[in-house]
């Protein structure tokens, strides 16, 4: 549960950086099987965070775009 709270506080860029680091370690070939499994599990967690953050950003952009389109007079929309 404490990890979930910390995860939600991460910014997209932080989660992506952690995911990149994990990916590098997975591809290095220097880890044993148990560590590879742990890294994979951790990577999935950061991937989920990144996807959630992107979905939130996409939703915000959509809402702002819809709001802007409602506020623009028709003359400005037509050009």
N, C-alpha and C. Protein backbone atom coordinates (compact mmCIF):
# COMPACT_ATOMS: atom_id res chain seq x y z
N UNK A 1 0.83 -1.20 0.00
CA UNK A 1 0.00 0.00 0.00
C UNK A 1 0.86 1.25 0.00
N UNK A 2 1.96 1.25 0.76
CA UNK A 2 2.84 2.40 0.78
C UNK A 2 3.46 2.63 -0.59
N UNK A 3 3.77 1.55 -1.31
CA UNK A 3 4.31 1.67 -2.66
C UNK A 3 3.31 2.33 -3.59
N UNK A 4 2.02 2.01 -3.44
CA UNK A 4 0.99 2.60 -4.28
C UNK A 4 0.91 4.10 -4.09
N UNK A 5 1.03 4.55 -2.84
CA UNK A 5 0.99 5.98 -2.56
C UNK A 5 2.20 6.66 -3.18
N UNK A 6 3.36 6.07 -3.02
CA UNK A 6 4.58 6.64 -3.61
C UNK A 6 4.48 6.66 -5.12
N UNK A 7 3.95 5.58 -5.70
CA UNK A 7 3.81 5.49 -7.14
C UNK A 7 2.93 6.60 -7.69
N UNK A 8 1.84 6.91 -7.02
CA UNK A 8 0.92 7.95 -7.48
C UNK A 8 1.56 9.33 -7.41
N UNK A 9 2.56 9.50 -6.55
CA UNK A 9 3.24 10.78 -6.42
C UNK A 9 4.31 10.97 -7.49
N UNK A 10 4.71 9.89 -8.16
CA UNK A 10 5.73 9.99 -9.20
C UNK A 10 5.22 10.79 -10.39
N UNK A 11 6.09 11.57 -10.96
CA UNK A 11 5.77 12.25 -12.20
C UNK A 11 6.04 11.27 -13.34
N UNK A 12 5.44 11.54 -14.49
CA UNK A 12 5.61 10.67 -15.65
C UNK A 12 7.09 10.48 -15.97
N UNK A 13 7.83 11.57 -15.99
CA UNK A 13 9.24 11.51 -16.36
C UNK A 13 10.04 10.64 -15.40
N UNK A 14 9.70 10.70 -14.10
CA UNK A 14 10.38 9.88 -13.11
C UNK A 14 10.10 8.40 -13.34
N UNK A 15 8.84 8.08 -13.58
CA UNK A 15 8.46 6.68 -13.82
C UNK A 15 9.10 6.17 -15.10
N UNK A 16 9.14 7.00 -16.13
CA UNK A 16 9.75 6.60 -17.39
C UNK A 16 11.25 6.35 -17.22
N UNK A 17 11.91 7.20 -16.46
CA UNK A 17 13.35 7.02 -16.20
C UNK A 17 13.60 5.71 -15.47
N UNK A 18 12.78 5.41 -14.47
CA UNK A 18 12.93 4.15 -13.75
C UNK A 18 12.70 2.96 -14.68
N UNK A 19 11.71 3.09 -15.55
CA UNK A 19 11.42 2.03 -16.52
C UNK A 19 12.60 1.83 -17.47
N UNK A 20 13.20 2.92 -17.92
CA UNK A 20 14.37 2.82 -18.80
C UNK A 20 15.55 2.15 -18.09
N UNK A 21 15.76 2.49 -16.84
CA UNK A 21 16.84 1.88 -16.06
C UNK A 21 16.61 0.38 -15.90
N UNK A 22 15.39 0.01 -15.61
CA UNK A 22 15.05 -1.41 -15.46
C UNK A 22 15.26 -2.14 -16.78
N UNK A 23 14.85 -1.52 -17.87
CA UNK A 23 15.02 -2.13 -19.18
C UNK A 23 16.50 -2.37 -19.49
N UNK A 24 17.33 -1.40 -19.17
CA UNK A 24 18.77 -1.56 -19.38
C UNK A 24 19.33 -2.72 -18.56
N UNK A 25 18.88 -2.82 -17.32
CA UNK A 25 19.34 -3.93 -16.47
C UNK A 25 18.86 -5.27 -16.99
N UNK A 26 17.62 -5.32 -17.46
CA UNK A 26 17.09 -6.57 -18.00
C UNK A 26 17.88 -7.02 -19.23
N UNK A 27 18.30 -6.05 -20.03
CA UNK A 27 19.02 -6.36 -21.26
C UNK A 27 20.51 -6.56 -21.07
N UNK A 28 21.01 -6.26 -19.88
CA UNK A 28 22.45 -6.36 -19.64
C UNK A 28 22.96 -7.79 -19.58
N UNK A 29 22.09 -8.71 -19.14
CA UNK A 29 22.52 -10.09 -19.01
C UNK A 29 23.35 -10.36 -17.76
N UNK A 30 23.42 -9.40 -16.87
CA UNK A 30 24.23 -9.53 -15.66
C UNK A 30 23.44 -9.97 -14.44
N UNK A 31 22.15 -10.16 -14.57
CA UNK A 31 21.30 -10.47 -13.42
C UNK A 31 20.93 -11.95 -13.42
N UNK A 32 20.73 -12.48 -12.22
CA UNK A 32 20.28 -13.88 -12.15
C UNK A 32 18.77 -13.94 -12.34
N UNK A 33 18.23 -15.14 -12.46
CA UNK A 33 16.82 -15.31 -12.80
C UNK A 33 15.89 -14.65 -11.79
N UNK A 34 16.16 -14.82 -10.51
CA UNK A 34 15.29 -14.21 -9.49
C UNK A 34 15.28 -12.68 -9.62
N UNK A 35 16.46 -12.12 -9.85
CA UNK A 35 16.53 -10.67 -9.99
C UNK A 35 15.83 -10.22 -11.28
N UNK A 36 15.97 -10.99 -12.34
CA UNK A 36 15.27 -10.66 -13.58
C UNK A 36 13.76 -10.63 -13.38
N UNK A 37 13.25 -11.60 -12.66
CA UNK A 37 11.81 -11.64 -12.39
C UNK A 37 11.37 -10.45 -11.56
N UNK A 38 12.17 -10.11 -10.54
CA UNK A 38 11.85 -8.94 -9.72
C UNK A 38 11.87 -7.65 -10.55
N UNK A 39 12.88 -7.53 -11.40
CA UNK A 39 12.98 -6.35 -12.25
C UNK A 39 11.81 -6.27 -13.22
N UNK A 40 11.44 -7.41 -13.77
CA UNK A 40 10.31 -7.45 -14.71
C UNK A 40 9.03 -7.00 -14.01
N UNK A 41 8.81 -7.51 -12.82
CA UNK A 41 7.62 -7.13 -12.05
C UNK A 41 7.63 -5.63 -11.75
N UNK A 42 8.78 -5.12 -11.36
CA UNK A 42 8.90 -3.69 -11.07
C UNK A 42 8.68 -2.86 -12.34
N UNK A 43 9.20 -3.35 -13.45
CA UNK A 43 9.02 -2.66 -14.72
C UNK A 43 7.56 -2.58 -15.12
N UNK A 44 6.83 -3.66 -14.90
CA UNK A 44 5.40 -3.66 -15.20
C UNK A 44 4.69 -2.60 -14.38
N UNK A 45 5.10 -2.45 -13.13
CA UNK A 45 4.49 -1.45 -12.25
C UNK A 45 4.73 -0.03 -12.79
N UNK A 46 5.97 0.24 -13.22
CA UNK A 46 6.27 1.57 -13.76
C UNK A 46 5.62 1.79 -15.12
N UNK A 47 5.49 0.75 -15.91
CA UNK A 47 4.79 0.85 -17.18
C UNK A 47 3.33 1.23 -16.95
N UNK A 48 2.72 0.63 -15.96
CA UNK A 48 1.33 0.94 -15.62
C UNK A 48 1.20 2.41 -15.20
N UNK A 49 2.15 2.88 -14.40
CA UNK A 49 2.14 4.28 -13.97
C UNK A 49 2.23 5.20 -15.18
N UNK A 50 3.15 4.90 -16.10
CA UNK A 50 3.31 5.73 -17.29
C UNK A 50 2.03 5.76 -18.11
N UNK A 51 1.42 4.62 -18.30
CA UNK A 51 0.17 4.56 -19.07
C UNK A 51 -0.93 5.36 -18.39
N UNK A 52 -1.02 5.27 -17.07
CA UNK A 52 -2.05 6.02 -16.35
C UNK A 52 -1.81 7.52 -16.47
N UNK A 53 -0.55 7.94 -16.34
CA UNK A 53 -0.23 9.37 -16.45
C UNK A 53 -0.53 9.88 -17.86
N UNK A 54 -0.21 9.08 -18.88
CA UNK A 54 -0.51 9.49 -20.25
C UNK A 54 -2.01 9.58 -20.49
N UNK A 55 -2.76 8.64 -19.94
CA UNK A 55 -4.22 8.67 -20.09
C UNK A 55 -4.80 9.91 -19.40
N UNK A 56 -4.27 10.26 -18.24
CA UNK A 56 -4.73 11.46 -17.54
C UNK A 56 -4.43 12.70 -18.36
N UNK A 57 -3.23 12.77 -18.92
CA UNK A 57 -2.86 13.93 -19.73
C UNK A 57 -3.73 14.03 -20.97
N UNK A 58 -3.98 12.90 -21.60
CA UNK A 58 -4.83 12.88 -22.79
C UNK A 58 -6.24 13.38 -22.46
N UNK A 59 -6.76 12.95 -21.34
CA UNK A 59 -8.10 13.37 -20.92
C UNK A 59 -8.13 14.88 -20.66
N UNK A 60 -7.09 15.40 -20.01
CA UNK A 60 -7.04 16.84 -19.74
C UNK A 60 -7.00 17.64 -21.03
N UNK A 61 -6.19 17.17 -21.99
CA UNK A 61 -6.10 17.86 -23.28
C UNK A 61 -7.46 17.84 -23.98
N UNK A 62 -8.12 16.71 -23.94
CA UNK A 62 -9.43 16.59 -24.57
C UNK A 62 -10.44 17.55 -23.92
N UNK A 63 -10.45 17.60 -22.61
CA UNK A 63 -11.38 18.49 -21.89
C UNK A 63 -11.08 19.95 -22.21
N UNK A 64 -9.80 20.31 -22.20
CA UNK A 64 -9.43 21.69 -22.50
C UNK A 64 -9.76 22.06 -23.94
N UNK A 65 -9.56 21.15 -24.86
CA UNK A 65 -9.89 21.40 -26.26
C UNK A 65 -11.38 21.60 -26.45
N UNK A 66 -12.18 20.74 -25.80
CA UNK A 66 -13.63 20.88 -25.88
C UNK A 66 -14.08 22.21 -25.28
N UNK A 67 -13.49 22.58 -24.16
CA UNK A 67 -13.83 23.84 -23.51
C UNK A 67 -13.47 25.03 -24.42
N UNK A 68 -12.31 24.96 -25.04
CA UNK A 68 -11.88 26.02 -25.93
C UNK A 68 -12.80 26.13 -27.13
N UNK A 69 -13.18 25.00 -27.70
CA UNK A 69 -14.08 25.01 -28.85
C UNK A 69 -15.43 25.61 -28.52
N UNK A 70 -15.91 25.41 -27.31
CA UNK A 70 -17.18 25.99 -26.88
C UNK A 70 -17.08 27.49 -26.68
N UNK A 71 -15.90 27.95 -26.27
CA UNK A 71 -15.72 29.36 -25.96
C UNK A 71 -15.40 30.22 -27.20
N UNK A 72 -14.91 29.60 -28.25
CA UNK A 72 -14.56 30.37 -29.45
C UNK A 72 -15.82 30.78 -30.20
N UNK A 73 -15.89 32.03 -30.60
CA UNK A 73 -17.01 32.45 -31.46
C UNK A 73 -16.89 31.75 -32.81
N UNK A 74 -18.02 31.57 -33.49
CA UNK A 74 -18.04 30.85 -34.76
C UNK A 74 -17.17 31.52 -35.81
N UNK A 75 -17.10 32.87 -35.80
CA UNK A 75 -16.28 33.56 -36.80
C UNK A 75 -14.83 33.16 -36.69
N UNK A 76 -14.32 33.02 -35.47
CA UNK A 76 -12.93 32.64 -35.28
C UNK A 76 -12.70 31.21 -35.72
N UNK A 77 -13.67 30.34 -35.49
CA UNK A 77 -13.54 28.95 -35.88
C UNK A 77 -13.48 28.82 -37.41
N UNK A 78 -14.26 29.64 -38.12
CA UNK A 78 -14.32 29.55 -39.57
C UNK A 78 -13.20 30.33 -40.26
N UNK A 79 -12.50 31.08 -39.49
CA UNK A 79 -11.37 31.63 -40.01
C UNK A 79 -10.95 32.89 -40.36
